[in-house]
Amino acid sequence: MAIAGETIPSLTATAFRFLVMSPLLILIARTEKVPLLFPKEKRHYMPLVAIFYFAIPFWFMLEGEKYISSGLAAILFGYMPITIMLLTYFTTRQPFSVKQISALLVTLLSLVAIISIESDISGSDYLLGISLLMGAVLLHGAIYIIKPLRLGDVHVLTVQI
């Protein structure tokens, strides 16, 4: 994605990514007899998913990789499970076990260490890149949390198309 971010505008690369993958996902959905559209009573969620689960996060990822290395971008996006865990806690107040708290502390401390080390290597715009990537992770994680609550019966392929 770093090459795409350097050669064509990020929004164009994001649109092209969906243009290329949509036919394949539609073919898989048709083969598996999965509906292409959300149920009528949930169709108002389609633009929200398209914008906040796909378009903006992918755009943020491409923009962010202009300022940070693709390796750091992959590491930041790899923190999605931690983000989902924290968002779940803040939205449902589901308590953490001691193991979960320990794992959370270790991963957050390692993330801080990685960003600290990387910030000494990178240029002055690394915070912008990190912010864009973390914004993408937060948006992606928020929709991931909302999906079972609001779209529980919608097939995962339908959401992906």
Foldseek 3Di string as FASTA:
>chain_A
DQVCLVPDQLLVVLVVVCVVCVVVLVVVCVVVVADQAAPPVQRVCLVVLCVLQRRQLSSLLSNLCVFAPVVLLVLLLVCLVVLLVVVCCVVVVDDDDPVRVVVSVVSVVVNVVVCVVRVVVTDPCNVSSSVSSNSSSNSNSVVVNCCCVRVVPRDPSSSVD
